[in-house]
């Protein structure tokens, strides 16, 4: 689904204009990002939880050359689906 298709679907389901749906989607994503930055976790009821996890430096392997390289440490975003979301599948 493209962004335009997603905006159209939200607009139809909520009974709002495309511009309002676009603003609503952008606002939701901005709120999720800000909450992750501030609290390191964001829980969306009936959908799931986003959280920030720290990945330590580790050794990677290049399968083509057989060589190794260092993967630097970083923070990554993890998603854990809720029971309600899992039940849909």
PDB file of N, CA and C in Angstrom:
ATOM      1  N   UNK A   1       0.851  -1.175   0.000  1.00  0.00           N
ATOM      2  CA  UNK A   1       0.000   0.000   0.000  1.00  0.00           C
ATOM      3  C   UNK A   1       0.897   1.238   0.000  1.00  0.00           C
ATOM      4  N   UNK A   2       0.653   2.123  -0.924  1.00  0.00           N
ATOM      5  CA  UNK A   2       1.415   3.361  -0.995  1.00  0.00           C
ATOM      6  C   UNK A   2       0.869   4.364   0.014  1.00  0.00           C
ATOM      7  N   UNK A   3       1.616   5.447   0.221  1.00  0.00           N
ATOM      8  CA  UNK A   3       1.162   6.477   1.160  1.00  0.00           C
ATOM      9  C   UNK A   3      -0.163   7.080   0.693  1.00  0.00           C
ATOM     10  N   UNK A   4      -0.290   7.317  -0.607  1.00  0.00           N
ATOM     11  CA  UNK A   4      -1.524   7.887  -1.147  1.00  0.00           C
ATOM     12  C   UNK A   4      -2.712   6.945  -0.910  1.00  0.00           C
ATOM     13  N   UNK A   5      -2.515   5.660  -1.121  1.00  0.00           N
ATOM     14  CA  UNK A   5      -3.584   4.685  -0.889  1.00  0.00           C
ATOM     15  C   UNK A   5      -3.960   4.632   0.583  1.00  0.00           C
ATOM     16  N   UNK A   6      -2.956   4.724   1.462  1.00  0.00           N
ATOM     17  CA  UNK A   6      -3.213   4.704   2.902  1.00  0.00           C
ATOM     18  C   UNK A   6      -4.000   5.943   3.322  1.00  0.00           C
ATOM     19  N   UNK A   7      -3.636   7.105   2.791  1.00  0.00           N
ATOM     20  CA  UNK A   7      -4.358   8.344   3.093  1.00  0.00           C
ATOM     21  C   UNK A   7      -5.804   8.232   2.619  1.00  0.00           C
ATOM     22  N   UNK A   8      -6.006   7.709   1.433  1.00  0.00           N
ATOM     23  CA  UNK A   8      -7.353   7.549   0.885  1.00  0.00           C
ATOM     24  C   UNK A   8      -8.186   6.621   1.761  1.00  0.00           C
ATOM     25  N   UNK A   9      -7.601   5.511   2.209  1.00  0.00           N
ATOM     26  CA  UNK A   9      -8.319   4.553   3.051  1.00  0.00           C
ATOM     27  C   UNK A   9      -8.698   5.174   4.392  1.00  0.00           C
ATOM     28  N   UNK A  10      -7.777   5.913   5.001  1.00  0.00           N
ATOM     29  CA  UNK A  10      -8.062   6.563   6.295  1.00  0.00           C
ATOM     30  C   UNK A  10      -9.139   7.625   6.121  1.00  0.00           C
ATOM     31  N   UNK A  11      -9.056   8.400   5.045  1.00  0.00           N
ATOM     32  CA  UNK A  11     -10.052   9.453   4.794  1.00  0.00           C
ATOM     33  C   UNK A  11     -11.441   8.866   4.633  1.00  0.00           C
ATOM     34  N   UNK A  12     -11.543   7.769   3.889  1.00  0.00           N
ATOM     35  CA  UNK A  12     -12.852   7.137   3.680  1.00  0.00           C
ATOM     36  C   UNK A  12     -13.387   6.524   4.966  1.00  0.00           C
ATOM     37  N   UNK A  13     -12.521   5.843   5.712  1.00  0.00           N
ATOM     38  CA  UNK A  13     -12.958   5.179   6.942  1.00  0.00           C
ATOM     39  C   UNK A  13     -13.368   6.172   8.024  1.00  0.00           C
ATOM     40  N   UNK A  14     -12.650   7.298   8.115  1.00  0.00           N
ATOM     41  CA  UNK A  14     -12.935   8.289   9.152  1.00  0.00           C
ATOM     42  C   UNK A  14     -13.929   9.355   8.699  1.00  0.00           C
ATOM     43  N   UNK A  15     -14.233   9.387   7.407  1.00  0.00           N
ATOM     44  CA  UNK A  15     -15.162  10.397   6.904  1.00  0.00           C
ATOM     45  C   UNK A  15     -14.580  11.798   6.922  1.00  0.00           C
ATOM     46  N   UNK A  16     -13.300  11.915   6.615  1.00  0.00           N
ATOM     47  CA  UNK A  16     -12.621  13.209   6.590  1.00  0.00           C
ATOM     48  C   UNK A  16     -11.994  13.413   5.213  1.00  0.00           C
ATOM     49  N   UNK A  17     -11.470  14.618   4.985  1.00  0.00           N
ATOM     50  CA  UNK A  17     -10.847  14.905   3.694  1.00  0.00           C
ATOM     51  C   UNK A  17      -9.465  14.256   3.621  1.00  0.00           C
ATOM     52  N   UNK A  18      -8.947  14.194   2.400  1.00  0.00           N
ATOM     53  CA  UNK A  18      -7.610  13.629   2.196  1.00  0.00           C
ATOM     54  C   UNK A  18      -6.550  14.457   2.921  1.00  0.00           C
ATOM     55  N   UNK A  19      -6.684  15.772   2.888  1.00  0.00           N
ATOM     56  CA  UNK A  19      -5.723  16.647   3.563  1.00  0.00           C
ATOM     57  C   UNK A  19      -5.737  16.419   5.069  1.00  0.00           C
ATOM     58  N   UNK A  20      -6.930  16.256   5.643  1.00  0.00           N
ATOM     59  CA  UNK A  20      -7.041  15.997   7.080  1.00  0.00           C
ATOM     60  C   UNK A  20      -6.441  14.634   7.434  1.00  0.00           C
ATOM     61  N   UNK A  21      -6.694  13.640   6.579  1.00  0.00           N
ATOM     62  CA  UNK A  21      -6.139  12.305   6.824  1.00  0.00           C
ATOM     63  C   UNK A  21      -4.621  12.338   6.751  1.00  0.00           C
ATOM     64  N   UNK A  22      -4.075  13.072   5.780  1.00  0.00           N
ATOM     65  CA  UNK A  22      -2.626  13.195   5.644  1.00  0.00           C
ATOM     66  C   UNK A  22      -2.031  13.837   6.888  1.00  0.00           C
ATOM     67  N   UNK A  23      -2.647  14.908   7.374  1.00  0.00           N
ATOM     68  CA  UNK A  23      -2.176  15.578   8.594  1.00  0.00           C
ATOM     69  C   UNK A  23      -2.279  14.663   9.807  1.00  0.00           C
ATOM     70  N   UNK A  24      -3.357  13.890   9.895  1.00  0.00           N
ATOM     71  CA  UNK A  24      -3.553  12.990  11.028  1.00  0.00           C
ATOM     72  C   UNK A  24      -2.494  11.887  11.047  1.00  0.00           C
ATOM     73  N   UNK A  25      -2.208  11.310   9.889  1.00  0.00           N
ATOM     74  CA  UNK A  25      -1.197  10.254   9.810  1.00  0.00           C
ATOM     75  C   UNK A  25       0.173  10.809  10.165  1.00  0.00           C
ATOM     76  N   UNK A  26       0.523  11.975   9.605  1.00  0.00           N
ATOM     77  CA  UNK A  26       1.809  12.597   9.909  1.00  0.00           C
ATOM     78  C   UNK A  26       1.921  12.936  11.392  1.00  0.00           C
ATOM     79  N   UNK A  27       0.841  13.432  11.989  1.00  0.00           N
ATOM     80  CA  UNK A  27       0.852  13.776  13.406  1.00  0.00           C
ATOM     81  C   UNK A  27       1.055  12.533  14.276  1.00  0.00           C
ATOM     82  N   UNK A  28       0.388  11.436  13.923  1.00  0.00           N
ATOM     83  CA  UNK A  28       0.550  10.196  14.677  1.00  0.00           C
ATOM     84  C   UNK A  28       1.983   9.706  14.607  1.00  0.00           C
ATOM     85  N   UNK A  29       2.565   9.700  13.422  1.00  0.00           N
ATOM     86  CA  UNK A  29       3.947   9.243  13.273  1.00  0.00           C
ATOM     87  C   UNK A  29       4.914  10.150  14.033  1.00  0.00           C
ATOM     88  N   UNK A  30       4.683  11.453  13.985  1.00  0.00           N
ATOM     89  CA  UNK A  30       5.526  12.386  14.737  1.00  0.00           C
ATOM     90  C   UNK A  30       5.432  12.129  16.236  1.00  0.00           C
ATOM     91  N   UNK A  31       4.234  11.862  16.727  1.00  0.00           N
ATOM     92  CA  UNK A  31       4.047  11.575  18.158  1.00  0.00           C
ATOM     93  C   UNK A  31       4.776  10.298  18.564  1.00  0.00           C
ATOM     94  N   UNK A  32       4.709   9.276  17.728  1.00  0.00           N
ATOM     95  CA  UNK A  32       5.406   8.019  18.020  1.00  0.00           C
ATOM     96  C   UNK A  32       6.906   8.263  18.086  1.00  0.00           C
ATOM     97  N   UNK A  33       7.445   9.005  17.122  1.00  0.00           N
ATOM     98  CA  UNK A  33       8.882   9.290  17.088  1.00  0.00           C
ATOM     99  C   UNK A  33       9.299  10.082  18.321  1.00  0.00           C
ATOM    100  N   UNK A  34       8.534  11.120  18.686  1.00  0.00           N
ATOM    101  CA  UNK A  34       8.875  11.936  19.846  1.00  0.00           C
ATOM    102  C   UNK A  34       8.822  11.117  21.141  1.00  0.00           C
ATOM    103  N   UNK A  35       7.821  10.235  21.250  1.00  0.00           N
ATOM    104  CA  UNK A  35       7.723   9.406  22.452  1.00  0.00           C
ATOM    105  C   UNK A  35       8.876   8.421  22.531  1.00  0.00           C
ATOM    106  N   UNK A  36       9.292   7.857  21.396  1.00  0.00           N
ATOM    107  CA  UNK A  36      10.446   6.956  21.394  1.00  0.00           C
ATOM    108  C   UNK A  36      11.710   7.694  21.817  1.00  0.00           C
ATOM    109  N   UNK A  37      11.895   8.907  21.331  1.00  0.00           N
ATOM    110  CA  UNK A  37      13.072   9.683  21.704  1.00  0.00           C
ATOM    111  C   UNK A  37      13.074  10.008  23.187  1.00  0.00           C
ATOM    112  N   UNK A  38      11.910  10.354  23.731  1.00  0.00           N
ATOM    113  CA  UNK A  38      11.825  10.791  25.127  1.00  0.00           C
ATOM    114  C   UNK A  38      11.805   9.629  26.116  1.00  0.00           C
ATOM    115  N   UNK A  39      11.019   8.607  25.820  1.00  0.00           N
ATOM    116  CA  UNK A  39      10.794   7.540  26.805  1.00  0.00           C
ATOM    117  C   UNK A  39      11.367   6.190  26.412  1.00  0.00           C
ATOM    118  N   UNK A  40      11.906   6.080  25.200  1.00  0.00           N
ATOM    119  CA  UNK A  40      12.495   4.835  24.681  1.00  0.00           C
ATOM    120  C   UNK A  40      11.474   3.728  24.432  1.00  0.00           C
ATOM    121  N   UNK A  41      10.182   4.034  24.579  1.00  0.00           N
ATOM    122  CA  UNK A  41       9.140   3.058  24.298  1.00  0.00           C
ATOM    123  C   UNK A  41       7.853   3.789  23.935  1.00  0.00           C
ATOM    124  N   UNK A  42       7.027   3.137  23.109  1.00  0.00           N
ATOM    125  CA  UNK A  42       5.746   3.705  22.712  1.00  0.00           C
ATOM    126  C   UNK A  42       4.743   2.570  22.573  1.00  0.00           C
ATOM    127  N   UNK A  43       3.706   2.592  23.390  1.00  0.00           N
ATOM    128  CA  UNK A  43       2.694   1.550  23.385  1.00  0.00           C
ATOM    129  C   UNK A  43       1.439   2.050  22.676  1.00  0.00           C
ATOM    130  N   UNK A  44       1.018   1.352  21.632  1.00  0.00           N
ATOM    131  CA  UNK A  44      -0.226   1.655  20.934  1.00  0.00           C
ATOM    132  C   UNK A  44      -1.206   0.530  21.261  1.00  0.00           C
ATOM    133  N   UNK A  45      -2.209   0.831  22.059  1.00  0.00           N
ATOM    134  CA  UNK A  45      -3.165  -0.163  22.530  1.00  0.00           C
ATOM    135  C   UNK A  45      -3.820  -0.860  21.338  1.00  0.00           C
ATOM    136  N   UNK A  46      -3.956  -2.172  21.425  1.00  0.00           N
ATOM    137  CA  UNK A  46      -4.528  -3.047  20.401  1.00  0.00           C
ATOM    138  C   UNK A  46      -3.653  -3.179  19.158  1.00  0.00           C
ATOM    139  N   UNK A  47      -2.464  -2.563  19.140  1.00  0.00           N
ATOM    140  CA  UNK A  47      -1.576  -2.682  17.990  1.00  0.00           C
ATOM    141  C   UNK A  47      -0.241  -3.286  18.384  1.00  0.00           C
ATOM    142  N   UNK A  48       0.454  -2.680  19.341  1.00  0.00           N
ATOM    143  CA  UNK A  48       1.743  -3.210  19.768  1.00  0.00           C
ATOM    144  C   UNK A  48       2.602  -2.159  20.427  1.00  0.00           C
ATOM    145  N   UNK A  49       3.847  -2.553  20.715  1.00  0.00           N
ATOM    146  CA  UNK A  49       4.778  -1.687  21.410  1.00  0.00           C
ATOM    147  C   UNK A  49       6.063  -1.535  20.598  1.00  0.00           C
ATOM    148  N   UNK A  50       6.446  -0.277  20.380  1.00  0.00           N
ATOM    149  CA  UNK A  50       7.738   0.030  19.780  1.00  0.00           C
ATOM    150  C   UNK A  50       8.696   0.329  20.920  1.00  0.00           C
ATOM    151  N   UNK A  51       9.930  -0.148  20.833  1.00  0.00           N
ATOM    152  CA  UNK A  51      10.916   0.167  21.858  1.00  0.00           C
ATOM    153  C   UNK A  51      12.294   0.283  21.217  1.00  0.00           C
ATOM    154  N   UNK A  52      13.182   0.996  21.923  1.00  0.00           N
ATOM    155  CA  UNK A  52      14.546   1.171  21.454  1.00  0.00           C
ATOM    156  C   UNK A  52      15.422   0.185  22.206  1.00  0.00           C
ATOM    157  N   UNK A  53      16.216  -0.576  21.465  1.00  0.00           N
ATOM    158  CA  UNK A  53      17.145  -1.535  22.065  1.00  0.00           C
ATOM    159  C   UNK A  53      18.559  -1.192  21.599  1.00  0.00           C
ATOM    160  N   UNK A  54      19.527  -1.449  22.453  1.00  0.00           N
ATOM    161  CA  UNK A  54      20.923  -1.174  22.111  1.00  0.00           C
ATOM    162  C   UNK A  54      21.553  -2.440  21.544  1.00  0.00           C
ATOM    163  N   UNK A  55      22.199  -2.317  20.401  1.00  0.00           N
ATOM    164  CA  UNK A  55      22.922  -3.427  19.775  1.00  0.00           C
ATOM    165  C   UNK A  55      24.420  -3.175  19.979  1.00  0.00           C
ATOM    166  N   UNK A  56      25.115  -4.109  20.600  1.00  0.00           N
ATOM    167  CA  UNK A  56      26.545  -3.970  20.830  1.00  0.00           C
ATOM    168  C   UNK A  56      27.328  -4.191  19.540  1.00  0.00           C
ATOM    169  N   UNK A  57      28.570  -3.736  19.538  1.00  0.00           N
ATOM    170  CA  UNK A  57      29.460  -3.975  18.409  1.00  0.00           C
ATOM    171  C   UNK A  57      29.666  -5.479  18.256  1.00  0.00           C
ATOM    172  N   UNK A  58      29.714  -5.958  17.014  1.00  0.00           N
ATOM    173  CA  UNK A  58      29.896  -7.389  16.790  1.00  0.00           C
ATOM    174  C   UNK A  58      30.629  -7.623  15.471  1.00  0.00           C
ATOM    175  N   UNK A  59      31.055  -8.857  15.267  1.00  0.00           N
ATOM    176  CA  UNK A  59      31.782  -9.223  14.057  1.00  0.00           C
ATOM    177  C   UNK A  59      30.791  -9.762  13.035  1.00  0.00           C
ATOM    178  N   UNK A  60      30.861  -9.226  11.810  1.00  0.00           N
ATOM    179  CA  UNK A  60      30.041  -9.719  10.714  1.00  0.00           C
ATOM    180  C   UNK A  60      30.903 -10.493   9.731  1.00  0.00           C
ATOM    181  N   UNK A  61      30.270 -11.298   8.903  1.00  0.00           N
ATOM    182  CA  UNK A  61      30.990 -12.107   7.929  1.00  0.00           C
ATOM    183  C   UNK A  61      30.468 -11.815   6.533  1.00  0.00           C
ATOM    184  N   UNK A  62      31.381 -11.571   5.600  1.00  0.00           N
ATOM    185  CA  UNK A  62      31.019 -11.370   4.203  1.00  0.00           C
ATOM    186  C   UNK A  62      30.979 -12.742   3.547  1.00  0.00           C
ATOM    187  N   UNK A  63      29.810 -13.180   3.127  1.00  0.00           N
ATOM    188  CA  UNK A  63      29.655 -14.522   2.575  1.00  0.00           C
ATOM    189  C   UNK A  63      30.345 -14.671   1.209  1.00  0.00           C
ATOM    190  N   UNK A  64      30.474 -13.582   0.465  1.00  0.00           N
ATOM    191  CA  UNK A  64      31.100 -13.642  -0.866  1.00  0.00           C
ATOM    192  C   UNK A  64      32.612 -13.806  -0.775  1.00  0.00           C
ATOM    193  N   UNK A  65      33.248 -13.037   0.102  1.00  0.00           N
ATOM    194  CA  UNK A  65      34.711 -13.060   0.183  1.00  0.00           C
ATOM    195  C   UNK A  65      35.221 -13.922   1.330  1.00  0.00           C
ATOM    196  N   UNK A  66      34.347 -14.246   2.272  1.00  0.00           N
ATOM    197  CA  UNK A  66      34.770 -15.019   3.433  1.00  0.00           C
ATOM    198  C   UNK A  66      35.448 -14.169   4.500  1.00  0.00           C
ATOM    199  N   UNK A  67      35.565 -12.867   4.253  1.00  0.00           N
ATOM    200  CA  UNK A  67      36.213 -11.969   5.205  1.00  0.00           C
ATOM    201  C   UNK A  67      35.283 -11.564   6.336  1.00  0.00           C
ATOM    202  N   UNK A  68      35.859 -10.932   7.336  1.00  0.00           N
ATOM    203  CA  UNK A  68      35.068 -10.443   8.467  1.00  0.00           C
ATOM    204  C   UNK A  68      35.177  -8.924   8.536  1.00  0.00           C
ATOM    205  N   UNK A  69      34.243  -8.318   9.213  1.00  0.00           N
ATOM    206  CA  UNK A  69      34.235  -6.874   9.410  1.00  0.00           C
ATOM    207  C   UNK A  69      33.507  -6.575  10.708  1.00  0.00           C
ATOM    208  N   UNK A  70      33.710  -5.389  11.212  1.00  0.00           N
ATOM    209  CA  UNK A  70      33.096  -4.988  12.476  1.00  0.00           C
ATOM    210  C   UNK A  70      31.802  -4.227  12.188  1.00  0.00           C
ATOM    211  N   UNK A  71      30.711  -4.660  12.824  1.00  0.00           N
ATOM    212  CA  UNK A  71      29.440  -3.943  12.758  1.00  0.00           C
ATOM    213  C   UNK A  71      29.396  -3.056  14.000  1.00  0.00           C
ATOM    214  N   UNK A  72      29.352  -1.739  13.829  1.00  0.00           N
ATOM    215  CA  UNK A  72      29.418  -0.843  14.997  1.00  0.00           C
ATOM    216  C   UNK A  72      28.169  -0.931  15.874  1.00  0.00           C
ATOM    217  N   UNK A  73      28.327  -0.529  17.134  1.00  0.00           N
ATOM    218  CA  UNK A  73      27.180  -0.520  18.042  1.00  0.00           C
ATOM    219  C   UNK A  73      26.205   0.564  17.610  1.00  0.00           C
ATOM    220  N   UNK A  74      24.925   0.332  17.914  1.00  0.00           N
ATOM    221  CA  UNK A  74      23.900   1.292  17.518  1.00  0.00           C
ATOM    222  C   UNK A  74      22.632   1.013  18.306  1.00  0.00           C
ATOM    223  N   UNK A  75      21.704   1.951  18.243  1.00  0.00           N
ATOM    224  CA  UNK A  75      20.375   1.753  18.794  1.00  0.00           C
ATOM    225  C   UNK A  75      19.449   1.355  17.653  1.00  0.00           C
ATOM    226  N   UNK A  76      18.555   0.407  17.911  1.00  0.00           N
ATOM    227  CA  UNK A  76      17.620  -0.062  16.897  1.00  0.00           C
ATOM    228  C   UNK A  76      16.210  -0.019  17.468  1.00  0.00           C
ATOM    229  N   UNK A  77      15.236  -0.005  16.586  1.00  0.00           N
ATOM    230  CA  UNK A  77      13.832  -0.001  17.010  1.00  0.00           C
ATOM    231  C   UNK A  77      13.281  -1.409  16.880  1.00  0.00           C
ATOM    232  N   UNK A  78      12.637  -1.869  17.954  1.00  0.00           N
ATOM    233  CA  UNK A  78      12.043  -3.202  17.994  1.00  0.00           C
ATOM    234  C   UNK A  78      10.529  -3.039  18.114  1.00  0.00           C
ATOM    235  N   UNK A  79       9.780  -3.942  17.486  1.00  0.00           N
ATOM    236  CA  UNK A  79       8.321  -3.905  17.568  1.00  0.00           C
ATOM    237  C   UNK A  79       7.818  -5.240  18.093  1.00  0.00           C
ATOM    238  N   UNK A  80       6.936  -5.171  19.088  1.00  0.00           N
ATOM    239  CA  UNK A  80       6.302  -6.368  19.629  1.00  0.00           C
ATOM    240  C   UNK A  80       4.796  -6.221  19.430  1.00  0.00           C
ATOM    241  N   UNK A  81       4.178  -7.070  18.592  1.00  0.00           N
ATOM    242  CA  UNK A  81       2.745  -6.938  18.345  1.00  0.00           C
ATOM    243  C   UNK A  81       1.923  -7.315  19.581  1.00  0.00           C
ATOM    244  N   UNK A  82       0.743  -6.692  19.705  1.00  0.00           N
ATOM    245  CA  UNK A  82      -0.155  -6.986  20.824  1.00  0.00           C
ATOM    246  C   UNK A  82      -0.876  -8.310  20.580  1.00  0.00           C
ATOM    247  N   UNK A  83      -1.511  -8.818  21.613  1.00  0.00           N
ATOM    248  CA  UNK A  83      -2.290 -10.053  21.477  1.00  0.00           C
ATOM    249  C   UNK A  83      -3.438  -9.871  20.487  1.00  0.00           C
ATOM    250  N   UNK A  84      -4.070  -8.687  20.499  1.00  0.00           N
ATOM    251  CA  UNK A  84      -5.156  -8.408  19.575  1.00  0.00           C
ATOM    252  C   UNK A  84      -4.688  -8.455  18.121  1.00  0.00           C
ATOM    253  N   UNK A  85      -3.510  -7.886  17.863  1.00  0.00           N
ATOM    254  CA  UNK A  85      -2.974  -7.896  16.505  1.00  0.00           C
ATOM    255  C   UNK A  85      -2.598  -9.308  16.079  1.00  0.00           C
ATOM    256  N   UNK A  86      -1.977 -10.072  16.976  1.00  0.00           N
ATOM    257  CA  UNK A  86      -1.606 -11.456  16.668  1.00  0.00           C
ATOM    258  C   UNK A  86      -2.844 -12.306  16.359  1.00  0.00           C
ATOM    259  N   UNK A  87      -3.934 -12.023  17.056  1.00  0.00           N
ATOM    260  CA  UNK A  87      -5.172 -12.806  16.866  1.00  0.00           C
ATOM    261  C   UNK A  87      -5.772 -12.597  15.485  1.00  0.00           C
ATOM    262  N   UNK A  88      -5.440 -11.495  14.812  1.00  0.00           N
ATOM    263  CA  UNK A  88      -5.967 -11.211  13.480  1.00  0.00           C
ATOM    264  C   UNK A  88      -5.354 -12.117  12.422  1.00  0.00           C
ATOM    265  N   UNK A  89      -4.227 -12.755  12.732  1.00  0.00           N
ATOM    266  CA  UNK A  89      -3.535 -13.581  11.754  1.00  0.00           C
ATOM    267  C   UNK A  89      -3.554 -14.993  12.200  1.00  0.00           C
TER     268      UNK A  89
END
